[in-house]
Amino acid sequence: MNMQQTITPVDGSVYVERPYADAAKIDAVFDRAVKAQRAWALTTLEERAALCHRFCDALLRHTDEIALEISWSMGRPISQTPSEVRSCAERARFMIDEAPAGLATYDPGFKPGFKRYIKRTPLGVVFVIAPWNYPLLTTVNSVIPAIMAGNAVVLKHAPQTQLCAERFFQAFEEAGLPAGVFQYLHLTNRDAEGLIGDTRVAHVNFTGSVATGHLVQRAAAGRFISVGLELGGKDPGYVRADADVKFAAETLLDGAFFNSGQCCCGIERIYAHESVYEEFLEHAVAIARAYRLGNPMQQDTNLGPVVSARAAANIRAQMDEAIAQGARALIAPEAFTADAPGTAYMAPQILVDVDHSMRFMTEETFGPTVGIMKVKNDDDAVAMMNDSHYGLTAAIFTRDLEAAETIGDRCETGTVFLNRCDALDPALPWVGVKDTGRGYTLSRWGYETLTRPKSYHLRLAE
């Protein structure tokens, strides 16, 4: 039987393996989901909320075990992974509490002789395809709202973090969720793609690469179903002349290097006003040199390996190409004893003398690297930030709120940050433009993508 393996970036060994689901199991899971969803849709919002809150309680009871599994699976330091478990529960609770607003019945107004209203009704079975980089947080964005809206969910998690699917199932089982409302499958890519065309699937939510996003959309093209796609990013930061430069450097470098730079909204390019450029570089280099790269199981490590040796090789190749084109590296990798070509461990890096002719400044890198360019003014910065086929977030650092809002209006992104970056507020919809995808999750608006309006036009008896 073919097995799905997780190769840990910590030491390159096989951390866990599971058999892929066969056709009989896939059919059984989706048949069960269809049947369970019909009954689940008839439950009250209060009943769903109580069960989902118990899911959060169950997840938190296993914080230490889940955090350890995430660290071993994808390499984030053990000092940081427990916070993802806690944040997952916090985000889930927010979306549970937001459900009454997101699912509220709408009254279009009085009409003599009629009762009229619009309800938001569940779509059916939601197929969630989740990534490895934030394996709990990206998953919960879709799973909890889908279930709160009355849908059933089948989850396919990334092979790198397949245990997270099992942990979600365990927590829902401990919470007492009816069988079939939430299930998971370990699937080959071919089987996952084929399921998108299955008539039992009503909605697909995919988080991952642009290339795979195109495959998902093509697979769904023959059916009239909705698809949510959260894809790549090349998110910029802009440091204006009036910014708190030290604070900007600290915040932007954290946005670039946290989780080894493996975040869809991580900072991958920075534009600093020419009047503060040198000062910003001085702070940035000092911050980068202070990182502690090493085994993520050690508490003093704050920069672990990237997800795989292959990913590290691709990141290094993109940097080497930029250097060959004239870029300069400001950080000496040899200063980090754990940095070793051929492994998943790589030092943080800052490149300067970069421009947009380099892939390093235009294509997603997804590693602990950042390019920094000098700009003359706001117009120059906006032009550079928008010169991308991605559009998730843009981070502006300035003391001038009005200027930030004016710049933000011109940014071709789904979110604009002021004096922060690499963050997500569940009260606001998470949305991208251009090749970053389509659709949105979170906030009360996130419920729109997981439901459809149903109109009631009732003539009253005379």
Protein backbone atom coordinates (compact mmCIF):
# COMPACT_ATOMS: atom_id res chain seq x y z
CA MET A 1 0.00 0.00 0.00
CA ASN A 2 1.33 3.46 -0.90
CA MET A 3 2.24 5.55 2.13
CA GLN A 4 2.17 9.29 2.71
CA GLN A 5 5.38 10.27 4.46
CA THR A 6 6.39 13.28 6.51
CA ILE A 7 10.14 13.85 6.26
CA THR A 8 11.15 16.06 9.16
CA PRO A 9 13.48 18.95 8.33
CA VAL A 10 14.99 18.62 11.80
CA ASP A 11 17.20 15.68 10.80
CA GLY A 12 15.86 14.42 7.45
CA SER A 13 14.31 11.26 8.87
CA VAL A 14 10.82 9.86 8.30
CA TYR A 15 8.79 11.34 11.14
CA VAL A 16 5.42 9.75 10.38
CA GLU A 17 3.74 7.84 7.59
CA ARG A 18 0.14 6.95 6.87
CA PRO A 19 -1.53 4.90 4.12
CA TYR A 20 -3.28 6.82 1.39
CA ALA A 21 -7.05 6.37 1.34
CA ASP A 22 -8.27 3.96 -1.33
CA ALA A 23 -11.35 4.46 -3.51
CA ALA A 24 -13.63 2.56 -1.13
CA LYS A 25 -12.63 4.69 1.85
CA ILE A 26 -12.95 7.92 -0.13
CA ASP A 27 -16.48 6.98 -1.21
CA ALA A 28 -17.45 5.98 2.32
CA VAL A 29 -16.19 9.27 3.78
CA PHE A 30 -18.06 11.45 1.28
CA ASP A 31 -21.26 9.42 1.48
CA ARG A 32 -21.13 9.75 5.25
CA ALA A 33 -20.49 13.49 4.95
CA VAL A 34 -23.51 14.04 2.69
CA LYS A 35 -25.80 12.18 5.07
CA ALA A 36 -24.39 13.82 8.20
CA GLN A 37 -24.64 17.32 6.69
CA ARG A 38 -28.38 17.01 6.11
CA ALA A 39 -28.96 16.35 9.79
CA TRP A 40 -26.35 18.89 10.94
CA ALA A 41 -28.02 21.65 8.90
CA LEU A 42 -31.15 21.23 11.04
CA THR A 43 -29.34 21.92 14.32
CA THR A 44 -29.52 25.32 15.98
CA LEU A 45 -26.72 27.83 15.95
CA GLU A 46 -26.51 27.49 19.72
CA GLU A 47 -25.97 23.73 19.45
CA ARG A 48 -23.24 24.18 16.86
CA ALA A 49 -21.54 26.86 18.96
CA ALA A 50 -21.49 24.67 22.06
CA LEU A 51 -19.87 21.82 20.14
CA CYS A 52 -17.29 24.07 18.48
CA HIS A 53 -16.35 25.64 21.81
CA ARG A 54 -15.81 22.13 23.17
CA PHE A 55 -13.59 21.48 20.15
CA CYS A 56 -11.44 24.43 21.24
CA ASP A 57 -11.26 23.10 24.79
CA ALA A 58 -10.19 19.69 23.51
CA LEU A 59 -7.53 21.15 21.23
CA LEU A 60 -6.05 23.15 24.10
CA ARG A 61 -5.89 20.08 26.32
CA HIS A 62 -3.39 18.63 23.85
CA THR A 63 -1.34 21.80 23.31
CA ASP A 64 2.02 20.33 24.24
CA GLU A 65 1.67 17.21 22.07
CA ILE A 66 0.38 19.15 19.06
CA ALA A 67 3.12 21.78 19.37
CA LEU A 68 5.78 19.08 19.44
CA GLU A 69 4.30 17.42 16.35
CA ILE A 70 4.27 20.71 14.43
CA SER A 71 7.92 21.39 15.31
CA TRP A 72 9.01 17.96 14.18
CA SER A 73 6.83 18.09 11.05
CA MET A 74 7.80 21.48 9.61
CA GLY A 75 10.68 22.80 11.70
CA ARG A 76 9.30 25.80 13.58
CA PRO A 77 11.01 26.21 16.99
CA ILE A 78 9.28 24.51 19.91
CA SER A 79 9.40 27.84 21.73
CA GLN A 80 6.91 29.18 19.16
CA THR A 81 4.59 26.32 18.17
CA PRO A 82 2.43 26.26 21.35
CA SER A 83 1.26 29.76 20.45
CA GLU A 84 -0.23 28.44 17.21
CA VAL A 85 -2.41 26.01 19.15
CA ARG A 86 -3.61 28.78 21.44
CA SER A 87 -4.13 31.19 18.55
CA CYS A 88 -6.09 28.53 16.68
CA ALA A 89 -8.51 28.20 19.58
CA GLU A 90 -8.79 31.98 19.95
CA ARG A 91 -9.53 32.44 16.25
CA ALA A 92 -12.06 29.61 16.31
CA ARG A 93 -13.87 31.17 19.28
CA PHE A 94 -13.98 34.53 17.52
CA MET A 95 -15.57 32.97 14.45
CA ILE A 96 -18.03 31.04 16.61
CA ASP A 97 -19.11 34.28 18.26
CA GLU A 98 -19.26 36.02 14.87
CA ALA A 99 -21.64 33.43 13.42
CA PRO A 100 -24.90 35.15 14.51
CA ALA A 101 -23.89 38.27 12.57
CA GLY A 102 -22.48 36.37 9.59
CA LEU A 103 -25.52 34.09 9.33
CA ALA A 104 -28.22 36.59 10.30
CA THR A 105 -31.55 36.50 8.51
CA TYR A 106 -32.14 39.64 6.45
CA ASP A 107 -35.46 41.47 6.39
CA PRO A 108 -35.84 43.56 3.20
CA GLY A 109 -38.65 45.63 4.74
CA PHE A 110 -42.40 45.61 5.10
CA LYS A 111 -44.61 44.70 2.15
CA PRO A 112 -48.39 44.55 2.76
CA GLY A 113 -49.76 41.02 2.59
CA PHE A 114 -46.35 39.33 2.54
CA LYS A 115 -43.67 38.01 4.80
CA ARG A 116 -40.24 38.26 3.16
CA TYR A 117 -36.81 37.35 4.40
CA ILE A 118 -33.47 35.97 3.25
CA LYS A 119 -31.66 33.21 5.12
CA ARG A 120 -28.09 32.10 4.67
CA THR A 121 -28.13 28.36 4.13
CA PRO A 122 -25.22 25.87 4.07
CA LEU A 123 -23.68 24.75 0.80
CA GLY A 124 -23.31 21.07 1.72
CA VAL A 125 -19.95 19.30 1.91
CA VAL A 126 -16.90 21.58 2.04
CA PHE A 127 -13.59 20.10 0.88
CA VAL A 128 -10.67 21.85 2.60
CA ILE A 129 -7.13 21.42 1.27
CA ALA A 130 -4.77 22.84 3.90
CA PRO A 131 -1.06 23.81 3.80
CA TRP A 132 1.84 23.01 6.12
CA ASN A 133 3.27 26.44 6.98
CA TYR A 134 0.63 27.37 9.58
CA PRO A 135 -1.09 24.01 9.73
CA LEU A 136 -3.68 24.83 12.41
CA LEU A 137 -4.39 28.49 11.71
CA THR A 138 -4.91 28.11 7.96
CA THR A 139 -7.17 25.12 8.56
CA VAL A 140 -9.36 26.67 11.22
CA ASN A 141 -10.08 29.66 8.96
CA SER A 142 -12.35 27.42 6.88
CA VAL A 143 -13.27 24.50 9.11
CA ILE A 144 -14.96 26.25 12.03
CA PRO A 145 -17.00 28.73 9.94
CA ALA A 146 -18.05 25.91 7.59
CA ILE A 147 -19.31 23.79 10.46
CA MET A 148 -20.94 26.73 12.22
CA ALA A 149 -22.77 27.49 8.96
CA GLY A 150 -24.23 23.97 8.88
CA ASN A 151 -21.87 22.35 6.38
CA ALA A 152 -19.96 19.10 6.70
CA VAL A 153 -16.20 19.20 6.16
CA VAL A 154 -13.70 16.79 4.66
CA LEU A 155 -10.10 17.86 5.24
CA LYS A 156 -7.05 16.93 3.21
CA HIS A 157 -3.98 18.24 4.99
CA ALA A 158 -0.53 18.69 3.48
CA PRO A 159 1.66 15.57 3.72
CA GLN A 160 4.19 17.57 5.74
CA THR A 161 1.66 18.18 8.54
CA GLN A 162 -0.73 15.28 8.13
CA LEU A 163 -0.96 14.76 11.89
CA CYS A 164 -2.82 18.07 12.21
CA ALA A 165 -5.79 16.56 10.37
CA GLU A 166 -5.85 13.76 12.91
CA ARG A 167 -5.64 16.24 15.78
CA PHE A 168 -8.63 18.19 14.44
CA PHE A 169 -10.59 14.96 14.18
CA GLN A 170 -9.59 13.96 17.71
CA ALA A 171 -10.71 17.32 19.12
CA PHE A 172 -14.07 17.19 17.33
CA GLU A 173 -14.56 13.61 18.51
CA GLU A 174 -13.84 14.62 22.11
CA ALA A 175 -16.27 17.52 21.67
CA GLY A 176 -19.05 15.14 20.68
CA LEU A 177 -19.55 16.32 17.10
CA PRO A 178 -21.90 13.93 15.26
CA ALA A 179 -20.08 11.36 13.14
CA GLY A 180 -19.53 12.46 9.57
CA VAL A 181 -19.74 16.21 10.11
CA PHE A 182 -15.95 16.49 10.18
CA GLN A 183 -13.68 13.90 8.57
CA TYR A 184 -10.21 13.80 7.04
CA LEU A 185 -8.48 11.83 4.32
CA HIS A 186 -4.83 11.25 3.48
CA LEU A 187 -4.96 11.62 -0.30
CA THR A 188 -2.67 11.59 -3.28
CA ASN A 189 -2.67 14.79 -5.30
CA ARG A 190 -4.39 12.97 -8.15
CA ASP A 191 -7.22 11.74 -5.91
CA ALA A 192 -7.62 15.19 -4.35
CA GLU A 193 -7.86 16.79 -7.78
CA GLY A 194 -10.40 14.22 -8.88
CA LEU A 195 -12.59 14.86 -5.85
CA ILE A 196 -13.00 18.51 -6.79
CA GLY A 197 -15.15 17.30 -9.67
CA ASP A 198 -17.17 14.97 -7.43
CA THR A 199 -20.86 15.91 -7.23
CA ARG A 200 -20.80 15.40 -3.46
CA VAL A 201 -18.46 18.38 -3.06
CA ALA A 202 -20.22 21.76 -2.84
CA HIS A 203 -17.28 24.07 -2.11
CA VAL A 204 -13.49 23.80 -2.18
CA ASN A 205 -11.15 25.90 -0.07
CA PHE A 206 -7.49 25.61 -1.05
CA THR A 207 -4.46 27.32 0.45
CA GLY A 208 -1.16 26.88 -1.33
CA SER A 209 0.79 27.72 -4.44
CA VAL A 210 -0.43 29.64 -7.48
CA ALA A 211 0.36 26.70 -9.75
CA THR A 212 -1.76 24.32 -7.70
CA GLY A 213 -4.46 26.97 -7.38
CA HIS A 214 -4.80 26.94 -11.16
CA LEU A 215 -5.17 23.14 -11.06
CA VAL A 216 -7.91 23.44 -8.45
CA GLN A 217 -9.79 26.04 -10.47
CA ARG A 218 -9.51 23.96 -13.65
CA ALA A 219 -10.73 20.87 -11.81
CA ALA A 220 -13.79 22.80 -10.63
CA ALA A 221 -14.46 24.43 -14.01
CA GLY A 222 -16.89 21.77 -15.14
CA ARG A 223 -19.18 22.30 -12.15
CA PHE A 224 -21.09 25.26 -10.77
CA ILE A 225 -19.45 25.24 -7.35
CA SER A 226 -17.60 27.94 -5.48
CA VAL A 227 -13.86 27.81 -4.92
CA GLY A 228 -11.80 29.75 -2.37
CA LEU A 229 -8.13 30.16 -3.24
CA GLU A 230 -5.51 31.66 -0.93
CA LEU A 231 -2.33 31.49 -2.95
CA GLY A 232 1.13 33.07 -3.03
CA GLY A 233 2.46 36.39 -1.83
CA LYS A 234 5.42 38.71 -2.23
CA ASP A 235 4.39 41.17 0.43
CA PRO A 236 6.09 44.57 0.62
CA GLY A 237 6.94 46.95 3.43
CA TYR A 238 7.50 50.68 2.97
CA VAL A 239 9.47 52.81 5.44
CA ARG A 240 8.64 56.50 4.97
CA ALA A 241 11.01 59.31 5.85
CA ASP A 242 9.04 60.10 9.03
CA ALA A 243 8.93 56.52 10.33
CA ASP A 244 10.33 55.28 13.62
CA VAL A 245 13.19 53.58 11.80
CA LYS A 246 14.37 51.28 14.59
CA PHE A 247 10.82 50.09 15.28
CA ALA A 248 10.21 49.60 11.56
CA ALA A 249 13.35 47.49 11.24
CA GLU A 250 12.47 45.34 14.23
CA THR A 251 8.92 44.77 13.00
CA LEU A 252 9.72 44.19 9.34
CA LEU A 253 12.62 41.84 10.02
CA ASP A 254 10.40 39.80 12.32
CA GLY A 255 7.84 39.77 9.51
CA ALA A 256 10.51 38.53 7.13
CA PHE A 257 12.15 35.87 9.30
CA PHE A 258 9.46 34.50 11.65
CA ASN A 259 8.59 30.89 10.78
CA SER A 260 11.75 30.96 8.64
CA GLY A 261 9.99 33.33 6.27
CA GLN A 262 7.40 30.68 5.39
CA CYS A 263 4.28 32.78 5.56
CA CYS A 264 1.97 33.89 2.76
CA CYS A 265 1.89 37.40 4.26
CA GLY A 266 5.52 37.46 5.37
CA ILE A 267 7.63 40.43 4.30
CA GLU A 268 9.73 39.55 1.25
CA ARG A 269 10.70 43.01 -0.01
CA ILE A 270 11.26 46.34 1.73
CA TYR A 271 11.36 49.83 0.26
CA ALA A 272 13.02 52.46 2.46
CA HIS A 273 12.97 56.19 1.77
CA GLU A 274 16.40 57.38 0.69
CA SER A 275 16.71 59.68 3.72
CA VAL A 276 16.42 56.73 6.18
CA TYR A 277 17.77 53.94 3.99
CA GLU A 278 21.24 53.69 5.55
CA GLU A 279 19.90 53.93 9.09
CA PHE A 280 17.33 51.24 8.32
CA LEU A 281 20.02 48.94 6.88
CA GLU A 282 22.19 49.38 9.95
CA HIS A 283 19.35 48.28 12.25
CA ALA A 284 18.26 45.48 9.90
CA VAL A 285 21.71 43.92 9.70
CA ALA A 286 22.16 44.02 13.47
CA ILE A 287 18.78 42.33 13.95
CA ALA A 288 19.49 39.61 11.38
CA ARG A 289 22.87 38.81 12.90
CA ALA A 290 21.29 38.30 16.32
CA TYR A 291 19.06 35.40 15.22
CA ARG A 292 19.80 31.98 16.69
CA LEU A 293 19.58 29.34 13.97
CA GLY A 294 19.53 25.76 15.16
CA ASN A 295 17.65 22.64 16.21
CA PRO A 296 14.02 23.70 16.72
CA MET A 297 13.71 21.38 19.70
CA GLN A 298 16.02 23.64 21.70
CA GLN A 299 14.27 26.40 23.63
CA ASP A 300 16.85 29.08 22.77
CA THR A 301 16.43 28.58 19.00
CA ASN A 302 14.36 31.31 17.36
CA LEU A 303 15.05 30.35 13.73
CA GLY A 304 14.56 26.75 12.69
CA PRO A 305 15.09 24.99 9.39
CA VAL A 306 12.87 25.64 6.40
CA VAL A 307 10.46 22.86 5.54
CA SER A 308 12.88 20.72 3.54
CA ALA A 309 16.37 20.55 2.06
CA ARG A 310 14.77 20.90 -1.36
CA ALA A 311 13.05 24.13 -0.33
CA ALA A 312 16.33 25.46 1.06
CA ALA A 313 18.09 24.66 -2.22
CA ASN A 314 15.43 26.56 -4.19
CA ILE A 315 15.73 29.59 -1.89
CA ARG A 316 19.53 29.59 -2.18
CA ALA A 317 19.29 29.28 -5.96
CA GLN A 318 17.04 32.34 -6.15
CA MET A 319 19.47 34.35 -4.00
CA ASP A 320 22.51 33.15 -5.96
CA GLU A 321 20.83 34.21 -9.19
CA ALA A 322 20.18 37.69 -7.78
CA ILE A 323 23.79 37.99 -6.60
CA ALA A 324 24.99 37.00 -10.05
CA GLN A 325 22.86 39.85 -11.40
CA GLY A 326 24.49 42.40 -9.08
CA ALA A 327 22.82 42.04 -5.68
CA ARG A 328 24.92 42.03 -2.50
CA ALA A 329 24.42 39.80 0.54
CA LEU A 330 24.89 41.61 3.87
CA ILE A 331 24.89 38.59 6.19
CA ALA A 332 27.76 36.10 6.31
CA PRO A 333 26.20 32.59 6.48
CA GLU A 334 29.37 31.20 8.07
CA ALA A 335 28.53 33.21 11.19
CA PHE A 336 25.67 30.74 11.74
CA THR A 337 27.19 27.37 12.55
CA ALA A 338 23.96 25.50 11.78
CA ASP A 339 23.81 26.84 8.21
CA ALA A 340 24.67 23.95 5.92
CA PRO A 341 24.00 23.70 2.18
CA GLY A 342 22.33 20.40 1.38
CA THR A 343 20.22 20.58 4.54
CA ALA A 344 17.09 22.53 5.49
CA TYR A 345 19.08 24.86 7.76
CA MET A 346 19.89 28.25 6.30
CA ALA A 347 20.96 31.55 7.82
CA PRO A 348 18.80 34.67 7.56
CA GLN A 349 19.85 36.87 4.68
CA ILE A 350 19.43 40.47 3.48
CA LEU A 351 20.11 41.41 -0.13
CA VAL A 352 20.67 44.97 -1.32
CA ASP A 353 21.42 46.48 -4.72
CA VAL A 354 18.37 44.55 -5.88
CA ASP A 355 15.80 45.55 -8.49
CA HIS A 356 12.69 44.18 -10.13
CA SER A 357 14.56 42.52 -12.96
CA MET A 358 15.50 39.86 -10.40
CA ARG A 359 13.19 36.94 -9.54
CA PHE A 360 14.22 37.48 -5.95
CA MET A 361 12.16 40.69 -5.91
CA THR A 362 9.21 39.46 -7.97
CA GLU A 363 8.66 35.75 -7.28
CA GLU A 364 7.72 34.21 -3.96
CA THR A 365 10.83 33.08 -2.07
CA PHE A 366 9.24 31.64 1.11
CA GLY A 367 12.42 31.62 3.16
CA PRO A 368 14.35 33.67 5.76
CA THR A 369 15.45 36.26 3.23
CA VAL A 370 14.47 39.82 2.30
CA GLY A 371 15.48 42.33 -0.34
CA ILE A 372 15.79 46.03 0.52
CA MET A 373 15.59 48.86 -2.01
CA LYS A 374 15.92 52.63 -1.77
CA VAL A 375 12.98 54.79 -2.98
CA LYS A 376 12.67 58.55 -3.50
CA ASN A 377 9.10 59.24 -2.40
CA ASP A 378 5.61 57.81 -1.90
CA ASP A 379 4.91 57.58 -5.62
CA ASP A 380 8.09 55.60 -6.15
CA ALA A 381 7.21 53.28 -3.27
CA VAL A 382 3.64 52.69 -4.49
CA ALA A 383 4.89 51.89 -7.98
CA MET A 384 7.34 49.35 -6.57
CA MET A 385 4.81 47.77 -4.20
CA ASN A 386 2.25 47.38 -7.00
CA ASP A 387 4.81 46.01 -9.45
CA SER A 388 3.86 42.44 -8.59
CA HIS A 389 1.43 39.80 -9.75
CA TYR A 390 0.63 39.10 -6.09
CA GLY A 391 -1.50 41.21 -3.78
CA LEU A 392 -2.10 40.01 -0.23
CA THR A 393 -0.82 42.71 2.16
CA ALA A 394 1.24 45.89 2.17
CA ALA A 395 2.84 47.31 5.32
CA ILE A 396 3.44 51.07 5.65
CA PHE A 397 5.58 52.57 8.39
CA THR A 398 4.96 56.23 9.11
CA ARG A 399 3.78 58.57 11.87
CA ASP A 400 1.28 60.15 9.46
CA LEU A 401 -2.06 58.31 9.55
CA GLU A 402 -3.58 60.32 6.73
CA ALA A 403 -0.59 59.65 4.48
CA ALA A 404 -0.78 55.93 5.26
CA GLU A 405 -4.45 55.79 4.35
CA THR A 406 -3.83 57.68 1.11
CA ILE A 407 -1.01 55.29 0.18
CA GLY A 408 -3.14 52.35 1.24
CA ASP A 409 -5.90 53.39 -1.16
CA ARG A 410 -3.39 53.04 -3.99
CA CYS A 411 -2.00 49.66 -2.91
CA GLU A 412 -3.25 46.71 -4.93
CA THR A 413 -3.63 44.38 -1.96
CA GLY A 414 -6.35 42.84 0.14
CA THR A 415 -5.01 44.27 3.42
CA VAL A 416 -3.11 47.43 4.29
CA PHE A 417 -1.09 47.58 7.51
CA LEU A 418 0.16 50.65 9.35
CA ASN A 419 3.20 50.16 11.61
CA ARG A 420 2.75 46.40 11.68
CA CYS A 421 2.97 43.45 9.29
CA ASP A 422 2.64 39.69 8.98
CA ALA A 423 -0.53 39.68 11.07
CA LEU A 424 -4.13 38.62 10.79
CA ASP A 425 -7.16 40.06 12.57
CA PRO A 426 -10.11 37.63 12.40
CA ALA A 427 -12.52 40.57 12.56
CA LEU A 428 -11.34 41.56 9.07
CA PRO A 429 -11.76 39.46 5.92
CA TRP A 430 -8.57 37.76 4.71
CA VAL A 431 -8.50 38.40 0.99
CA GLY A 432 -6.00 38.70 -1.82
CA VAL A 433 -6.04 40.18 -5.30
CA LYS A 434 -4.32 39.28 -8.56
CA ASP A 435 -2.50 35.92 -8.38
CA THR A 436 -2.89 35.77 -4.62
CA GLY A 437 -6.28 34.21 -5.26
CA ARG A 438 -10.00 34.68 -4.98
CA GLY A 439 -12.61 34.59 -2.26
CA TYR A 440 -12.02 35.37 1.39
CA THR A 441 -12.14 33.86 4.86
CA LEU A 442 -12.72 35.12 8.42
CA SER A 443 -14.88 37.93 9.82
CA ARG A 444 -18.63 37.95 9.33
CA TRP A 445 -17.98 38.27 5.58
CA GLY A 446 -16.22 34.91 5.61
CA TYR A 447 -19.57 33.24 6.21
CA GLU A 448 -20.79 34.49 2.83
CA THR A 449 -18.42 32.18 0.96
CA LEU A 450 -19.65 29.12 2.89
CA THR A 451 -23.38 29.73 2.48
CA ARG A 452 -25.88 30.79 -0.16
CA PRO A 453 -28.80 33.18 0.22
CA LYS A 454 -32.24 31.57 0.22
CA SER A 455 -35.24 33.85 -0.33
CA TYR A 456 -38.62 33.41 1.35
CA HIS A 457 -41.46 35.23 -0.43
CA LEU A 458 -44.60 34.32 1.49
CA ARG A 459 -48.10 35.61 0.68
CA LEU A 460 -50.13 35.76 3.86
CA ALA A 461 -53.62 34.26 4.00
CA GLU A 462 -56.42 36.85 3.88
